[in-house]
Amino acid sequence: MTLQAPFDQALADSKNLPERPDNMTLLKMYALYKQASNGDAEGQRPGMTDMVGRAKWDAWDAIKGISKEEAMQQYVDLITELKG
Protein backbone atom coordinates (compact mmCIF):
# COMPACT_ATOMS: atom_id res chain seq x y z
CA MET A 1 0.00 0.00 0.00
CA THR A 2 1.31 3.41 -0.89
CA LEU A 3 1.41 6.11 1.73
CA GLN A 4 1.16 9.00 -0.73
CA ALA A 5 -2.65 9.24 -0.69
CA PRO A 6 -3.00 9.15 3.13
CA PHE A 7 -0.07 11.60 3.39
CA ASP A 8 -1.71 14.01 0.93
CA GLN A 9 -4.98 13.75 2.89
CA ALA A 10 -3.14 14.45 6.15
CA LEU A 11 -1.57 17.54 4.56
CA ALA A 12 -5.03 18.81 3.64
CA ASP A 13 -6.40 17.90 7.08
CA SER A 14 -3.55 19.76 8.81
CA LYS A 15 -4.98 23.04 7.53
CA ASN A 16 -8.36 22.36 9.19
CA LEU A 17 -7.46 21.12 12.66
CA PRO A 18 -9.97 21.89 15.43
CA GLU A 19 -7.36 23.96 17.29
CA ARG A 20 -3.88 25.30 16.56
CA PRO A 21 -1.17 22.91 17.79
CA ASP A 22 1.50 24.16 20.19
CA ASN A 23 4.86 25.25 18.80
CA MET A 24 6.63 21.95 19.55
CA THR A 25 3.93 20.03 17.68
CA LEU A 26 4.14 22.47 14.77
CA LEU A 27 7.90 21.91 14.62
CA LYS A 28 7.36 18.15 14.62
CA MET A 29 4.81 18.49 11.79
CA TYR A 30 7.27 20.63 9.82
CA ALA A 31 10.17 18.22 10.38
CA LEU A 32 8.15 15.17 9.36
CA TYR A 33 6.82 16.96 6.27
CA LYS A 34 10.32 18.02 5.20
CA GLN A 35 11.76 14.55 5.88
CA ALA A 36 8.94 12.91 3.90
CA SER A 37 9.28 15.39 1.03
CA ASN A 38 13.01 16.08 0.85
CA GLY A 39 14.83 13.47 2.93
CA ASP A 40 17.57 14.39 5.42
CA ALA A 41 18.26 18.05 6.23
CA GLU A 42 20.88 19.58 3.97
CA GLY A 43 22.70 22.86 3.77
CA GLN A 44 23.85 25.10 6.56
CA ARG A 45 22.01 25.68 9.79
CA PRO A 46 20.47 29.19 9.79
CA GLY A 47 22.29 31.80 11.85
CA MET A 48 21.44 33.09 15.31
CA THR A 49 19.42 36.00 13.91
CA ASP A 50 16.96 33.64 12.21
CA MET A 51 15.51 31.96 15.30
CA VAL A 52 12.44 30.52 13.55
CA GLY A 53 14.45 29.14 10.64
CA ARG A 54 16.99 27.73 13.06
CA ALA A 55 14.30 25.98 15.15
CA LYS A 56 12.75 24.49 12.01
CA TRP A 57 16.11 23.29 10.69
CA ASP A 58 17.04 21.80 14.08
CA ALA A 59 13.72 19.92 14.28
CA TRP A 60 14.25 18.56 10.77
CA ASP A 61 17.89 17.65 11.42
CA ALA A 62 16.90 15.84 14.65
CA ILE A 63 15.05 13.16 12.66
CA LYS A 64 17.87 12.56 10.18
CA GLY A 65 17.99 8.97 8.99
CA ILE A 66 14.25 8.29 9.13
CA SER A 67 13.05 6.97 5.78
CA LYS A 68 10.62 9.03 3.71
CA GLU A 69 7.99 6.33 4.18
CA GLU A 70 8.40 6.30 7.97
CA ALA A 71 8.19 10.11 8.08
CA MET A 72 5.01 9.99 5.99
CA GLN A 73 3.47 7.42 8.35
CA GLN A 74 4.42 9.41 11.44
CA TYR A 75 2.94 12.57 9.88
CA VAL A 76 -0.32 10.77 9.06
CA ASP A 77 -0.47 9.35 12.61
CA LEU A 78 0.22 12.76 14.17
CA ILE A 79 -2.48 14.54 12.14
CA THR A 80 -4.96 11.74 12.88
CA GLU A 81 -4.25 12.17 16.60
CA LEU A 82 -4.63 15.97 16.38
CA LYS A 83 -7.95 15.70 14.56
CA GLY A 84 -9.29 13.97 17.64
PDB file of N, CA and C in Angstrom:
ATOM      1  N   MET A   1       0.834  -1.190   0.000  1.00  0.00           N
ATOM      2  CA  MET A   1       0.000   0.000   0.000  1.00  0.00           C
ATOM      3  C   MET A   1       0.875   1.248   0.000  1.00  0.00           C
ATOM      4  N   THR A   2       0.539   2.182  -0.834  1.00  0.00           N
ATOM      5  CA  THR A   2       1.311   3.414  -0.894  1.00  0.00           C
ATOM      6  C   THR A   2       0.825   4.400   0.165  1.00  0.00           C
ATOM      7  N   LEU A   3       1.741   5.127   0.696  1.00  0.00           N
ATOM      8  CA  LEU A   3       1.408   6.108   1.733  1.00  0.00           C
ATOM      9  C   LEU A   3       1.113   7.488   1.153  1.00  0.00           C
ATOM     10  N   GLN A   4       1.309   7.664  -0.149  1.00  0.00           N
ATOM     11  CA  GLN A   4       1.161   8.998  -0.731  1.00  0.00           C
ATOM     12  C   GLN A   4      -0.250   9.559  -0.561  1.00  0.00           C
ATOM     13  N   ALA A   5      -1.271   8.749  -0.814  1.00  0.00           N
ATOM     14  CA  ALA A   5      -2.655   9.243  -0.694  1.00  0.00           C
ATOM     15  C   ALA A   5      -3.003   9.612   0.748  1.00  0.00           C
ATOM     16  N   PRO A   6      -2.728   8.743   1.755  1.00  0.00           N
ATOM     17  CA  PRO A   6      -3.003   9.152   3.132  1.00  0.00           C
ATOM     18  C   PRO A   6      -2.174  10.365   3.562  1.00  0.00           C
ATOM     19  N   PHE A   7      -0.930  10.458   3.072  1.00  0.00           N
ATOM     20  CA  PHE A   7      -0.072  11.605   3.389  1.00  0.00           C
ATOM     21  C   PHE A   7      -0.663  12.881   2.811  1.00  0.00           C
ATOM     22  N   ASP A   8      -1.097  12.837   1.562  1.00  0.00           N
ATOM     23  CA  ASP A   8      -1.713  14.007   0.930  1.00  0.00           C
ATOM     24  C   ASP A   8      -2.983  14.420   1.674  1.00  0.00           C
ATOM     25  N   GLN A   9      -3.767  13.446   2.127  1.00  0.00           N
ATOM     26  CA  GLN A   9      -4.979  13.749   2.889  1.00  0.00           C
ATOM     27  C   GLN A   9      -4.623  14.390   4.232  1.00  0.00           C
ATOM     28  N   ALA A  10      -3.576  13.881   4.871  1.00  0.00           N
ATOM     29  CA  ALA A  10      -3.136  14.453   6.149  1.00  0.00           C
ATOM     30  C   ALA A  10      -2.659  15.890   5.968  1.00  0.00           C
ATOM     31  N   LEU A  11      -1.995  16.164   4.842  1.00  0.00           N
ATOM     32  CA  LEU A  11      -1.567  17.538   4.560  1.00  0.00           C
ATOM     33  C   LEU A  11      -2.779  18.455   4.462  1.00  0.00           C
ATOM     34  N   ALA A  12      -3.805  18.011   3.768  1.00  0.00           N
ATOM     35  CA  ALA A  12      -5.034  18.807   3.642  1.00  0.00           C
ATOM     36  C   ALA A  12      -5.711  18.958   5.002  1.00  0.00           C
ATOM     37  N   ASP A  13      -5.766  17.871   5.764  1.00  0.00           N
ATOM     38  CA  ASP A  13      -6.400  17.898   7.077  1.00  0.00           C
ATOM     39  C   ASP A  13      -5.658  18.810   8.052  1.00  0.00           C
ATOM     40  N   SER A  14      -4.345  18.944   7.886  1.00  0.00           N
ATOM     41  CA  SER A  14      -3.552  19.755   8.807  1.00  0.00           C
ATOM     42  C   SER A  14      -3.951  21.226   8.761  1.00  0.00           C
ATOM     43  N   LYS A  15      -4.563  21.646   7.672  1.00  0.00           N
ATOM     44  CA  LYS A  15      -4.984  23.041   7.526  1.00  0.00           C
ATOM     45  C   LYS A  15      -6.340  23.294   8.192  1.00  0.00           C
ATOM     46  N   ASN A  16      -7.028  22.231   8.609  1.00  0.00           N
ATOM     47  CA  ASN A  16      -8.360  22.358   9.192  1.00  0.00           C
ATOM     48  C   ASN A  16      -8.469  21.664  10.543  1.00  0.00           C
ATOM     49  N   LEU A  17      -7.424  21.742  11.344  1.00  0.00           N
ATOM     50  CA  LEU A  17      -7.460  21.120  12.665  1.00  0.00           C
ATOM     51  C   LEU A  17      -8.405  21.895  13.580  1.00  0.00           C
ATOM     52  N   PRO A  18      -9.021  21.210  14.547  1.00  0.00           N
ATOM     53  CA  PRO A  18      -9.965  21.887  15.429  1.00  0.00           C
ATOM     54  C   PRO A  18      -9.335  23.022  16.246  1.00  0.00           C
ATOM     55  N   GLU A  19      -8.059  22.888  16.599  1.00  0.00           N
ATOM     56  CA  GLU A  19      -7.356  23.964  17.285  1.00  0.00           C
ATOM     57  C   GLU A  19      -5.900  23.977  16.852  1.00  0.00           C
ATOM     58  N   ARG A  20      -5.278  25.148  16.991  1.00  0.00           N
ATOM     59  CA  ARG A  20      -3.881  25.300  16.562  1.00  0.00           C
ATOM     60  C   ARG A  20      -2.975  24.517  17.505  1.00  0.00           C
ATOM     61  N   PRO A  21      -2.107  23.663  16.949  1.00  0.00           N
ATOM     62  CA  PRO A  21      -1.169  22.906  17.793  1.00  0.00           C
ATOM     63  C   PRO A  21      -0.152  23.842  18.452  1.00  0.00           C
ATOM     64  N   ASP A  22       0.452  23.366  19.539  1.00  0.00           N
ATOM     65  CA  ASP A  22       1.497  24.160  20.190  1.00  0.00           C
ATOM     66  C   ASP A  22       2.743  24.184  19.296  1.00  0.00           C
ATOM     67  N   ASN A  23       3.681  25.051  19.641  1.00  0.00           N
ATOM     68  CA  ASN A  23       4.861  25.252  18.797  1.00  0.00           C
ATOM     69  C   ASN A  23       5.700  23.991  18.624  1.00  0.00           C
ATOM     70  N   MET A  24       5.834  23.177  19.668  1.00  0.00           N
ATOM     71  CA  MET A  24       6.627  21.950  19.546  1.00  0.00           C
ATOM     72  C   MET A  24       5.972  20.977  18.568  1.00  0.00           C
ATOM     73  N   THR A  25       4.644  20.908  18.602  1.00  0.00           N
ATOM     74  CA  THR A  25       3.930  20.027  17.676  1.00  0.00           C
ATOM     75  C   THR A  25       4.049  20.565  16.258  1.00  0.00           C
ATOM     76  N   LEU A  26       3.973  21.874  16.097  1.00  0.00           N
ATOM     77  CA  LEU A  26       4.139  22.473  14.768  1.00  0.00           C
ATOM     78  C   LEU A  26       5.528  22.179  14.213  1.00  0.00           C
ATOM     79  N   LEU A  27       6.544  22.239  15.069  1.00  0.00           N
ATOM     80  CA  LEU A  27       7.904  21.911  14.619  1.00  0.00           C
ATOM     81  C   LEU A  27       8.003  20.443  14.216  1.00  0.00           C
ATOM     82  N   LYS A  28       7.348  19.571  14.959  1.00  0.00           N
ATOM     83  CA  LYS A  28       7.355  18.148  14.616  1.00  0.00           C
ATOM     84  C   LYS A  28       6.666  17.921  13.274  1.00  0.00           C
ATOM     85  N   MET A  29       5.524  18.594  13.072  1.00  0.00           N
ATOM     86  CA  MET A  29       4.815  18.487  11.792  1.00  0.00           C
ATOM     87  C   MET A  29       5.710  18.951  10.654  1.00  0.00           C
ATOM     88  N   TYR A  30       6.377  20.084  10.843  1.00  0.00           N
ATOM     89  CA  TYR A  30       7.275  20.630   9.819  1.00  0.00           C
ATOM     90  C   TYR A  30       8.399  19.643   9.510  1.00  0.00           C
ATOM     91  N   ALA A  31       9.036  19.131  10.563  1.00  0.00           N
ATOM     92  CA  ALA A  31      10.170  18.222  10.379  1.00  0.00           C
ATOM     93  C   ALA A  31       9.750  16.958   9.638  1.00  0.00           C
ATOM     94  N   LEU A  32       8.619  16.388  10.030  1.00  0.00           N
ATOM     95  CA  LEU A  32       8.152  15.166   9.363  1.00  0.00           C
ATOM     96  C   LEU A  32       7.786  15.440   7.910  1.00  0.00           C
ATOM     97  N   TYR A  33       7.161  16.588   7.658  1.00  0.00           N
ATOM     98  CA  TYR A  33       6.820  16.962   6.275  1.00  0.00           C
ATOM     99  C   TYR A  33       8.092  17.092   5.438  1.00  0.00           C
ATOM    100  N   LYS A  34       9.074  17.816   5.953  1.00  0.00           N
ATOM    101  CA  LYS A  34      10.319  18.021   5.197  1.00  0.00           C
ATOM    102  C   LYS A  34      11.055  16.699   4.978  1.00  0.00           C
ATOM    103  N   GLN A  35      11.076  15.836   6.006  1.00  0.00           N
ATOM    104  CA  GLN A  35      11.757  14.545   5.875  1.00  0.00           C
ATOM    105  C   GLN A  35      11.048  13.683   4.832  1.00  0.00           C
ATOM    106  N   ALA A  36       9.716  13.700   4.853  1.00  0.00           N
ATOM    107  CA  ALA A  36       8.940  12.906   3.896  1.00  0.00           C
ATOM    108  C   ALA A  36       9.085  13.451   2.480  1.00  0.00           C
ATOM    109  N   SER A  37       9.213  14.761   2.349  1.00  0.00           N
ATOM    110  CA  SER A  37       9.277  15.391   1.034  1.00  0.00           C
ATOM    111  C   SER A  37      10.687  15.483   0.473  1.00  0.00           C
ATOM    112  N   ASN A  38      11.663  15.779   1.330  1.00  0.00           N
ATOM    113  CA  ASN A  38      13.012  16.080   0.852  1.00  0.00           C
ATOM    114  C   ASN A  38      14.096  15.139   1.351  1.00  0.00           C
ATOM    115  N   GLY A  39      13.791  14.310   2.345  1.00  0.00           N
ATOM    116  CA  GLY A  39      14.830  13.469   2.933  1.00  0.00           C
ATOM    117  C   GLY A  39      15.575  14.235   4.022  1.00  0.00           C
ATOM    118  N   ASP A  40      16.791  13.798   4.338  1.00  0.00           N
ATOM    119  CA  ASP A  40      17.571  14.393   5.416  1.00  0.00           C
ATOM    120  C   ASP A  40      17.857  15.872   5.173  1.00  0.00           C
ATOM    121  N   ALA A  41      17.957  16.622   6.281  1.00  0.00           N
ATOM    122  CA  ALA A  41      18.264  18.054   6.226  1.00  0.00           C
ATOM    123  C   ALA A  41      19.609  18.258   5.537  1.00  0.00           C
ATOM    124  N   GLU A  42      19.656  19.258   4.689  1.00  0.00           N
ATOM    125  CA  GLU A  42      20.882  19.581   3.966  1.00  0.00           C
ATOM    126  C   GLU A  42      21.166  21.064   4.125  1.00  0.00           C
ATOM    127  N   GLY A  43      22.349  21.452   3.735  1.00  0.00           N
ATOM    128  CA  GLY A  43      22.700  22.864   3.774  1.00  0.00           C
ATOM    129  C   GLY A  43      23.152  23.279   5.163  1.00  0.00           C
ATOM    130  N   GLN A  44      23.368  24.573   5.293  1.00  0.00           N
ATOM    131  CA  GLN A  44      23.849  25.103   6.558  1.00  0.00           C
ATOM    132  C   GLN A  44      22.706  25.455   7.485  1.00  0.00           C
ATOM    133  N   ARG A  45      22.966  25.299   8.751  1.00  0.00           N
ATOM    134  CA  ARG A  45      22.009  25.682   9.785  1.00  0.00           C
ATOM    135  C   ARG A  45      21.875  27.206   9.757  1.00  0.00           C
ATOM    136  N   PRO A  46      20.645  27.740   9.779  1.00  0.00           N
ATOM    137  CA  PRO A  46      20.469  29.194   9.789  1.00  0.00           C
ATOM    138  C   PRO A  46      21.172  29.831  10.980  1.00  0.00           C
ATOM    139  N   GLY A  47      21.554  31.081  10.816  1.00  0.00           N
ATOM    140  CA  GLY A  47      22.293  31.799  11.850  1.00  0.00           C
ATOM    141  C   GLY A  47      21.435  32.173  13.046  1.00  0.00           C
ATOM    142  N   MET A  48      22.092  32.719  14.051  1.00  0.00           N
ATOM    143  CA  MET A  48      21.437  33.086  15.313  1.00  0.00           C
ATOM    144  C   MET A  48      20.335  34.126  15.125  1.00  0.00           C
ATOM    145  N   THR A  49      20.430  34.956  14.107  1.00  0.00           N
ATOM    146  CA  THR A  49      19.424  36.004  13.909  1.00  0.00           C
ATOM    147  C   THR A  49      18.121  35.461  13.330  1.00  0.00           C
ATOM    148  N   ASP A  50      18.155  34.268  12.772  1.00  0.00           N
ATOM    149  CA  ASP A  50      16.956  33.640  12.208  1.00  0.00           C
ATOM    150  C   ASP A  50      16.496  32.533  13.155  1.00  0.00           C
ATOM    151  N   MET A  51      15.873  32.936  14.260  1.00  0.00           N
ATOM    152  CA  MET A  51      15.507  31.963  15.297  1.00  0.00           C
ATOM    153  C   MET A  51      14.458  30.967  14.819  1.00  0.00           C
ATOM    154  N   VAL A  52      13.489  31.422  14.039  1.00  0.00           N
ATOM    155  CA  VAL A  52      12.439  30.518  13.546  1.00  0.00           C
ATOM    156  C   VAL A  52      13.038  29.523  12.562  1.00  0.00           C
ATOM    157  N   GLY A  53      13.810  30.015  11.609  1.00  0.00           N
ATOM    158  CA  GLY A  53      14.454  29.138  10.638  1.00  0.00           C
ATOM    159  C   GLY A  53      15.384  28.136  11.308  1.00  0.00           C
ATOM    160  N   ARG A  54      16.075  28.601  12.323  1.00  0.00           N
ATOM    161  CA  ARG A  54      16.995  27.734  13.059  1.00  0.00           C
ATOM    162  C   ARG A  54      16.230  26.622  13.796  1.00  0.00           C
ATOM    163  N   ALA A  55      15.118  26.979  14.437  1.00  0.00           N
ATOM    164  CA  ALA A  55      14.300  25.980  15.148  1.00  0.00           C
ATOM    165  C   ALA A  55      13.739  24.952  14.172  1.00  0.00           C
ATOM    166  N   LYS A  56      13.278  25.409  13.018  1.00  0.00           N
ATOM    167  CA  LYS A  56      12.748  24.495  12.011  1.00  0.00           C
ATOM    168  C   LYS A  56      13.841  23.545  11.518  1.00  0.00           C
ATOM    169  N   TRP A  57      15.008  24.107  11.199  1.00  0.00           N
ATOM    170  CA  TRP A  57      16.109  23.295  10.687  1.00  0.00           C
ATOM    171  C   TRP A  57      16.546  22.274  11.737  1.00  0.00           C
ATOM    172  N   ASP A  58      16.633  22.709  13.007  1.00  0.00           N
ATOM    173  CA  ASP A  58      17.039  21.803  14.081  1.00  0.00           C
ATOM    174  C   ASP A  58      16.045  20.657  14.246  1.00  0.00           C
ATOM    175  N   ALA A  59      14.744  20.960  14.160  1.00  0.00           N
ATOM    176  CA  ALA A  59      13.717  19.920  14.282  1.00  0.00           C
ATOM    177  C   ALA A  59      13.849  18.918  13.139  1.00  0.00           C
ATOM    178  N   TRP A  60      14.092  19.421  11.938  1.00  0.00           N
ATOM    179  CA  TRP A  60      14.250  18.557  10.767  1.00  0.00           C
ATOM    180  C   TRP A  60      15.511  17.710  10.912  1.00  0.00           C
ATOM    181  N   ASP A  61      16.618  18.344  11.301  1.00  0.00           N
ATOM    182  CA  ASP A  61      17.894  17.645  11.425  1.00  0.00           C
ATOM    183  C   ASP A  61      17.838  16.574  12.523  1.00  0.00           C
ATOM    184  N   ALA A  62      16.996  16.786  13.535  1.00  0.00           N
ATOM    185  CA  ALA A  62      16.900  15.841  14.651  1.00  0.00           C
ATOM    186  C   ALA A  62      16.336  14.487  14.229  1.00  0.00           C
ATOM    187  N   ILE A  63      15.617  14.442  13.108  1.00  0.00           N
ATOM    188  CA  ILE A  63      15.047  13.157  12.663  1.00  0.00           C
ATOM    189  C   ILE A  63      15.797  12.589  11.454  1.00  0.00           C
ATOM    190  N   LYS A  64      17.020  13.056  11.272  1.00  0.00           N
ATOM    191  CA  LYS A  64      17.871  12.564  10.183  1.00  0.00           C
ATOM    192  C   LYS A  64      17.958  11.047  10.228  1.00  0.00           C
ATOM    193  N   GLY A  65      17.862  10.425   9.076  1.00  0.00           N
ATOM    194  CA  GLY A  65      17.991   8.974   8.990  1.00  0.00           C
ATOM    195  C   GLY A  65      16.662   8.240   8.912  1.00  0.00           C
ATOM    196  N   ILE A  66      15.571   8.918   9.252  1.00  0.00           N
ATOM    197  CA  ILE A  66      14.250   8.288   9.131  1.00  0.00           C
ATOM    198  C   ILE A  66      13.904   8.230   7.641  1.00  0.00           C
ATOM    199  N   SER A  67      13.398   7.108   7.192  1.00  0.00           N
ATOM    200  CA  SER A  67      13.047   6.974   5.778  1.00  0.00           C
ATOM    201  C   SER A  67      11.870   7.890   5.444  1.00  0.00           C
ATOM    202  N   LYS A  68      11.737   8.196   4.160  1.00  0.00           N
ATOM    203  CA  LYS A  68      10.620   9.034   3.713  1.00  0.00           C
ATOM    204  C   LYS A  68       9.292   8.375   4.059  1.00  0.00           C
ATOM    205  N   GLU A  69       9.221   7.057   3.894  1.00  0.00           N
ATOM    206  CA  GLU A  69       7.986   6.332   4.185  1.00  0.00           C
ATOM    207  C   GLU A  69       7.635   6.396   5.671  1.00  0.00           C
ATOM    208  N   GLU A  70       8.630   6.231   6.521  1.00  0.00           N
ATOM    209  CA  GLU A  70       8.395   6.299   7.970  1.00  0.00           C
ATOM    210  C   GLU A  70       7.960   7.707   8.370  1.00  0.00           C
ATOM    211  N   ALA A  71       8.580   8.727   7.782  1.00  0.00           N
ATOM    212  CA  ALA A  71       8.189  10.107   8.076  1.00  0.00           C
ATOM    213  C   ALA A  71       6.752  10.366   7.625  1.00  0.00           C
ATOM    214  N   MET A  72       6.392   9.847   6.469  1.00  0.00           N
ATOM    215  CA  MET A  72       5.007   9.991   5.995  1.00  0.00           C
ATOM    216  C   MET A  72       4.039   9.354   6.981  1.00  0.00           C
ATOM    217  N   GLN A  73       4.359   8.128   7.426  1.00  0.00           N
ATOM    218  CA  GLN A  73       3.471   7.419   8.350  1.00  0.00           C
ATOM    219  C   GLN A  73       3.353   8.169   9.677  1.00  0.00           C
ATOM    220  N   GLN A  74       4.462   8.658  10.185  1.00  0.00           N
ATOM    221  CA  GLN A  74       4.425   9.408  11.438  1.00  0.00           C
ATOM    222  C   GLN A  74       3.612  10.693  11.283  1.00  0.00           C
ATOM    223  N   TYR A  75       3.717  11.350  10.131  1.00  0.00           N
ATOM    224  CA  TYR A  75       2.944  12.567   9.880  1.00  0.00           C
ATOM    225  C   TYR A  75       1.454  12.243   9.852  1.00  0.00           C
ATOM    226  N   VAL A  76       1.087  11.191   9.134  1.00  0.00           N
ATOM    227  CA  VAL A  76      -0.325  10.768   9.058  1.00  0.00           C
ATOM    228  C   VAL A  76      -0.839  10.452  10.463  1.00  0.00           C
ATOM    229  N   ASP A  77      -0.062   9.711  11.249  1.00  0.00           N
ATOM    230  CA  ASP A  77      -0.465   9.348  12.607  1.00  0.00           C
ATOM    231  C   ASP A  77      -0.640  10.588  13.486  1.00  0.00           C
ATOM    232  N   LEU A  78       0.283  11.546  13.370  1.00  0.00           N
ATOM    233  CA  LEU A  78       0.215  12.763  14.174  1.00  0.00           C
ATOM    234  C   LEU A  78      -1.029  13.576  13.837  1.00  0.00           C
ATOM    235  N   ILE A  79      -1.309  13.757  12.557  1.00  0.00           N
ATOM    236  CA  ILE A  79      -2.479  14.542  12.141  1.00  0.00           C
ATOM    237  C   ILE A  79      -3.762  13.826  12.559  1.00  0.00           C
ATOM    238  N   THR A  80      -3.797  12.507  12.440  1.00  0.00           N
ATOM    239  CA  THR A  80      -4.957  11.739  12.882  1.00  0.00           C
ATOM    240  C   THR A  80      -5.205  11.954  14.371  1.00  0.00           C
ATOM    241  N   GLU A  81      -4.141  11.944  15.149  1.00  0.00           N
ATOM    242  CA  GLU A  81      -4.245  12.170  16.600  1.00  0.00           C
ATOM    243  C   GLU A  81      -4.750  13.597  16.894  1.00  0.00           C
ATOM    244  N   LEU A  82      -4.239  14.578  16.151  1.00  0.00           N
ATOM    245  CA  LEU A  82      -4.627  15.975  16.384  1.00  0.00           C
ATOM    246  C   LEU A  82      -6.066  16.266  15.975  1.00  0.00           C
ATOM    247  N   LYS A  83      -6.555  15.503  14.990  1.00  0.00           N
ATOM    248  CA  LYS A  83      -7.945  15.704  14.556  1.00  0.00           C
ATOM    249  C   LYS A  83      -8.931  15.275  15.641  1.00  0.00           C
ATOM    250  N   GLY A  84      -8.463  14.395  16.516  1.00  0.00           N
ATOM    251  CA  GLY A  84      -9.295  13.968  17.640  1.00  0.00           C
ATOM    252  C   GLY A  84     -10.203  12.888  17.344  1.00  0.00           C
TER     253      GLY A  84
END
